[in-house]
Amino acid sequence: MLKRYVIERDLPAVGSLEREQLKAAAAKSNAALAELGPKIQWVESYVAGDKTFCIYLAENEDIIRRHSQISGFPANKITEIRRTIDPTTANG
């Protein structure tokens, strides 16, 4: 069973990258994912000024580190997401 993780990547000026640069970064990440197989999946990423917050489904932290090595994108902090809540949580 895959667990959900948030990965913080320190990437200076990533928030000012152009669309084509982000497209190339996504392609590089996808190539690493294809190499690693079904034990890791990229859900989405949030791009801030000097950092991205990436949501992944993965078997464990080790495969996330392997993705980082293959893709060249740092995984400065990896945190397993244990639960999620949202505004509807208050209702029940």
N, C-alpha and C. Protein backbone atom coordinates (compact mmCIF):
# COMPACT_ATOMS: atom_id res chain seq x y z
N MET A 1 0.84 -1.19 0.00
CA MET A 1 0.00 0.00 0.00
C MET A 1 0.88 1.25 0.00
N LEU A 2 0.56 2.19 -0.83
CA LEU A 2 1.33 3.42 -0.91
C LEU A 2 0.89 4.41 0.15
N LYS A 3 1.87 5.09 0.74
CA LYS A 3 1.60 6.13 1.73
C LYS A 3 1.69 7.49 1.05
N ARG A 4 1.06 8.48 1.66
CA ARG A 4 1.08 9.85 1.11
C ARG A 4 2.17 10.65 1.83
N TYR A 5 2.94 11.38 1.03
CA TYR A 5 4.04 12.20 1.56
C TYR A 5 3.98 13.61 0.98
N VAL A 6 4.50 14.56 1.75
CA VAL A 6 4.79 15.90 1.21
C VAL A 6 6.31 16.03 1.22
N ILE A 7 6.84 16.49 0.10
CA ILE A 7 8.28 16.65 -0.06
C ILE A 7 8.56 18.14 -0.26
N GLU A 8 9.39 18.68 0.60
CA GLU A 8 9.81 20.08 0.47
C GLU A 8 11.12 20.10 -0.30
N ARG A 9 11.13 20.84 -1.41
CA ARG A 9 12.32 20.95 -2.23
C ARG A 9 12.78 22.40 -2.26
N ASP A 10 13.98 22.66 -1.78
CA ASP A 10 14.55 24.00 -1.84
C ASP A 10 15.13 24.22 -3.24
N LEU A 11 14.49 25.10 -4.00
CA LEU A 11 14.88 25.38 -5.38
C LEU A 11 14.87 26.90 -5.58
N PRO A 12 16.03 27.56 -5.45
CA PRO A 12 16.07 29.01 -5.56
C PRO A 12 15.38 29.54 -6.81
N ALA A 13 14.52 30.52 -6.62
CA ALA A 13 13.80 31.23 -7.70
C ALA A 13 12.86 30.34 -8.51
N VAL A 14 12.48 29.19 -7.99
CA VAL A 14 11.58 28.31 -8.75
C VAL A 14 10.25 28.99 -9.05
N GLY A 15 9.82 29.87 -8.18
CA GLY A 15 8.55 30.57 -8.38
C GLY A 15 8.55 31.52 -9.56
N SER A 16 9.73 31.87 -10.05
CA SER A 16 9.79 32.78 -11.20
C SER A 16 10.12 32.06 -12.51
N LEU A 17 10.12 30.73 -12.50
CA LEU A 17 10.38 29.98 -13.74
C LEU A 17 9.23 30.17 -14.73
N GLU A 18 9.56 30.16 -15.99
CA GLU A 18 8.58 30.27 -17.06
C GLU A 18 7.89 28.91 -17.27
N ARG A 19 6.77 28.94 -17.93
CA ARG A 19 5.98 27.72 -18.18
C ARG A 19 6.81 26.62 -18.85
N GLU A 20 7.61 26.98 -19.83
CA GLU A 20 8.42 25.97 -20.54
C GLU A 20 9.46 25.34 -19.61
N GLN A 21 10.00 26.13 -18.69
CA GLN A 21 10.97 25.60 -17.72
C GLN A 21 10.29 24.62 -16.77
N LEU A 22 9.08 24.96 -16.33
CA LEU A 22 8.33 24.05 -15.46
C LEU A 22 7.94 22.78 -16.21
N LYS A 23 7.60 22.94 -17.48
CA LYS A 23 7.26 21.78 -18.32
C LYS A 23 8.47 20.83 -18.41
N ALA A 24 9.65 21.38 -18.61
CA ALA A 24 10.86 20.57 -18.69
C ALA A 24 11.16 19.87 -17.36
N ALA A 25 10.93 20.58 -16.26
CA ALA A 25 11.14 19.98 -14.93
C ALA A 25 10.18 18.83 -14.71
N ALA A 26 8.92 19.01 -15.10
CA ALA A 26 7.93 17.94 -14.95
C ALA A 26 8.31 16.73 -15.79
N ALA A 27 8.81 16.96 -17.01
CA ALA A 27 9.23 15.86 -17.87
C ALA A 27 10.39 15.09 -17.24
N LYS A 28 11.32 15.81 -16.64
CA LYS A 28 12.47 15.18 -15.97
C LYS A 28 12.01 14.32 -14.79
N SER A 29 11.06 14.85 -14.02
CA SER A 29 10.50 14.10 -12.90
C SER A 29 9.76 12.86 -13.40
N ASN A 30 8.97 13.02 -14.46
CA ASN A 30 8.21 11.89 -15.02
C ASN A 30 9.14 10.79 -15.52
N ALA A 31 10.28 11.15 -16.10
CA ALA A 31 11.24 10.15 -16.57
C ALA A 31 11.79 9.34 -15.40
N ALA A 32 12.07 10.01 -14.29
CA ALA A 32 12.56 9.31 -13.10
C ALA A 32 11.48 8.39 -12.54
N LEU A 33 10.24 8.86 -12.55
CA LEU A 33 9.13 8.03 -12.07
C LEU A 33 8.97 6.78 -12.93
N ALA A 34 9.08 6.93 -14.24
CA ALA A 34 8.96 5.79 -15.14
C ALA A 34 10.05 4.76 -14.87
N GLU A 35 11.22 5.23 -14.54
CA GLU A 35 12.34 4.33 -14.24
C GLU A 35 12.11 3.56 -12.94
N LEU A 36 11.45 4.19 -11.98
CA LEU A 36 11.24 3.58 -10.67
C LEU A 36 10.03 2.65 -10.61
N GLY A 37 9.11 2.77 -11.54
CA GLY A 37 7.97 1.86 -11.58
C GLY A 37 6.82 2.28 -10.69
N PRO A 38 5.92 1.34 -10.40
CA PRO A 38 4.64 1.67 -9.74
C PRO A 38 4.70 1.92 -8.24
N LYS A 39 5.86 1.90 -7.64
CA LYS A 39 5.96 2.08 -6.20
C LYS A 39 6.02 3.54 -5.78
N ILE A 40 5.90 4.45 -6.76
CA ILE A 40 5.91 5.89 -6.48
C ILE A 40 5.08 6.60 -7.53
N GLN A 41 4.27 7.57 -7.07
CA GLN A 41 3.43 8.36 -7.97
C GLN A 41 3.46 9.82 -7.54
N TRP A 42 3.55 10.69 -8.51
CA TRP A 42 3.50 12.13 -8.26
C TRP A 42 2.05 12.57 -8.38
N VAL A 43 1.52 13.20 -7.34
CA VAL A 43 0.13 13.66 -7.34
C VAL A 43 0.05 15.10 -7.85
N GLU A 44 0.79 16.02 -7.19
CA GLU A 44 0.82 17.42 -7.61
C GLU A 44 1.89 18.14 -6.82
N SER A 45 2.21 19.35 -7.28
CA SER A 45 3.19 20.17 -6.58
C SER A 45 2.69 21.59 -6.49
N TYR A 46 3.07 22.26 -5.41
CA TYR A 46 2.77 23.66 -5.17
C TYR A 46 4.08 24.42 -5.27
N VAL A 47 4.13 25.42 -6.14
CA VAL A 47 5.36 26.16 -6.38
C VAL A 47 5.30 27.49 -5.64
N ALA A 48 6.28 27.71 -4.76
CA ALA A 48 6.40 28.96 -4.01
C ALA A 48 7.62 29.71 -4.55
N GLY A 49 8.05 30.73 -3.85
CA GLY A 49 9.18 31.54 -4.30
C GLY A 49 10.46 30.75 -4.51
N ASP A 50 10.96 30.13 -3.46
CA ASP A 50 12.21 29.39 -3.50
C ASP A 50 12.05 27.94 -3.09
N LYS A 51 10.85 27.41 -3.24
CA LYS A 51 10.58 26.07 -2.73
C LYS A 51 9.39 25.48 -3.46
N THR A 52 9.36 24.15 -3.58
CA THR A 52 8.15 23.47 -4.00
C THR A 52 7.73 22.51 -2.89
N PHE A 53 6.43 22.29 -2.82
CA PHE A 53 5.85 21.32 -1.91
C PHE A 53 5.16 20.29 -2.79
N CYS A 54 5.70 19.09 -2.83
CA CYS A 54 5.23 18.06 -3.75
C CYS A 54 4.50 16.98 -2.98
N ILE A 55 3.34 16.59 -3.49
CA ILE A 55 2.58 15.50 -2.90
C ILE A 55 2.85 14.24 -3.72
N TYR A 56 3.31 13.21 -3.04
CA TYR A 56 3.62 11.94 -3.69
C TYR A 56 2.94 10.81 -2.94
N LEU A 57 2.63 9.75 -3.66
CA LEU A 57 2.26 8.47 -3.08
C LEU A 57 3.47 7.58 -3.29
N ALA A 58 3.92 6.93 -2.22
CA ALA A 58 5.13 6.12 -2.34
C ALA A 58 5.12 4.98 -1.33
N GLU A 59 5.85 3.95 -1.67
CA GLU A 59 5.98 2.80 -0.78
C GLU A 59 6.70 3.18 0.52
N ASN A 60 7.74 4.05 0.38
CA ASN A 60 8.51 4.46 1.56
C ASN A 60 9.37 5.67 1.20
N GLU A 61 10.06 6.20 2.18
CA GLU A 61 10.91 7.37 1.97
C GLU A 61 12.10 7.06 1.08
N ASP A 62 12.60 5.83 1.13
CA ASP A 62 13.77 5.47 0.34
C ASP A 62 13.53 5.65 -1.15
N ILE A 63 12.36 5.27 -1.64
CA ILE A 63 12.09 5.41 -3.06
C ILE A 63 11.95 6.89 -3.44
N ILE A 64 11.49 7.71 -2.51
CA ILE A 64 11.45 9.16 -2.76
C ILE A 64 12.87 9.70 -2.89
N ARG A 65 13.77 9.23 -2.04
CA ARG A 65 15.17 9.65 -2.13
C ARG A 65 15.79 9.18 -3.45
N ARG A 66 15.45 7.99 -3.90
CA ARG A 66 15.96 7.49 -5.18
C ARG A 66 15.45 8.36 -6.33
N HIS A 67 14.17 8.76 -6.27
CA HIS A 67 13.63 9.66 -7.28
C HIS A 67 14.42 10.97 -7.30
N SER A 68 14.73 11.48 -6.12
CA SER A 68 15.50 12.72 -6.00
C SER A 68 16.87 12.57 -6.66
N GLN A 69 17.53 11.45 -6.42
CA GLN A 69 18.85 11.22 -7.00
C GLN A 69 18.79 11.12 -8.52
N ILE A 70 17.80 10.40 -9.04
CA ILE A 70 17.67 10.20 -10.48
C ILE A 70 17.29 11.51 -11.18
N SER A 71 16.32 12.23 -10.60
CA SER A 71 15.81 13.44 -11.23
C SER A 71 16.72 14.65 -11.04
N GLY A 72 17.50 14.63 -9.97
CA GLY A 72 18.35 15.77 -9.65
C GLY A 72 17.65 16.84 -8.84
N PHE A 73 16.39 16.61 -8.47
CA PHE A 73 15.65 17.56 -7.64
C PHE A 73 15.83 17.19 -6.17
N PRO A 74 16.18 18.14 -5.32
CA PRO A 74 16.41 17.81 -3.91
C PRO A 74 15.13 17.39 -3.19
N ALA A 75 15.29 16.58 -2.18
CA ALA A 75 14.20 16.24 -1.28
C ALA A 75 14.67 16.66 0.11
N ASN A 76 14.58 17.98 0.39
CA ASN A 76 15.14 18.53 1.61
C ASN A 76 14.42 18.06 2.86
N LYS A 77 13.12 17.85 2.74
CA LYS A 77 12.35 17.35 3.88
C LYS A 77 11.23 16.47 3.34
N ILE A 78 11.12 15.26 3.90
CA ILE A 78 10.08 14.30 3.51
C ILE A 78 9.23 14.04 4.74
N THR A 79 7.92 14.26 4.62
CA THR A 79 7.01 14.08 5.74
C THR A 79 5.85 13.19 5.32
N GLU A 80 5.64 12.12 6.06
CA GLU A 80 4.49 11.26 5.78
C GLU A 80 3.21 11.95 6.27
N ILE A 81 2.19 11.95 5.44
CA ILE A 81 0.89 12.51 5.80
C ILE A 81 0.07 11.40 6.43
N ARG A 82 -0.28 11.55 7.68
CA ARG A 82 -1.02 10.49 8.39
C ARG A 82 -2.53 10.60 8.21
N ARG A 83 -3.02 11.84 8.16
CA ARG A 83 -4.46 12.08 7.99
C ARG A 83 -4.66 13.40 7.29
N THR A 84 -5.86 13.58 6.77
CA THR A 84 -6.22 14.87 6.21
C THR A 84 -7.51 15.35 6.87
N ILE A 85 -7.61 16.65 6.99
CA ILE A 85 -8.86 17.26 7.45
C ILE A 85 -9.18 18.42 6.54
N ASP A 86 -10.42 18.81 6.52
CA ASP A 86 -10.87 19.96 5.73
C ASP A 86 -12.05 20.59 6.46
N PRO A 87 -12.65 21.64 5.93
CA PRO A 87 -13.74 22.29 6.64
C PRO A 87 -14.90 21.36 6.99
N THR A 88 -15.13 20.33 6.18
CA THR A 88 -16.23 19.41 6.47
C THR A 88 -15.97 18.50 7.65
N THR A 89 -14.70 18.41 8.10
CA THR A 89 -14.37 17.60 9.26
C THR A 89 -15.13 18.07 10.48
N ALA A 90 -15.41 19.35 10.56
CA ALA A 90 -16.13 19.92 11.70
C ALA A 90 -17.57 19.40 11.78
N ASN A 91 -18.08 18.89 10.67
CA ASN A 91 -19.47 18.43 10.65
C ASN A 91 -19.65 16.99 11.10
N GLY A 92 -18.57 16.29 11.31
CA GLY A 92 -18.88 14.95 11.69
C GLY A 92 -17.86 14.00 12.00
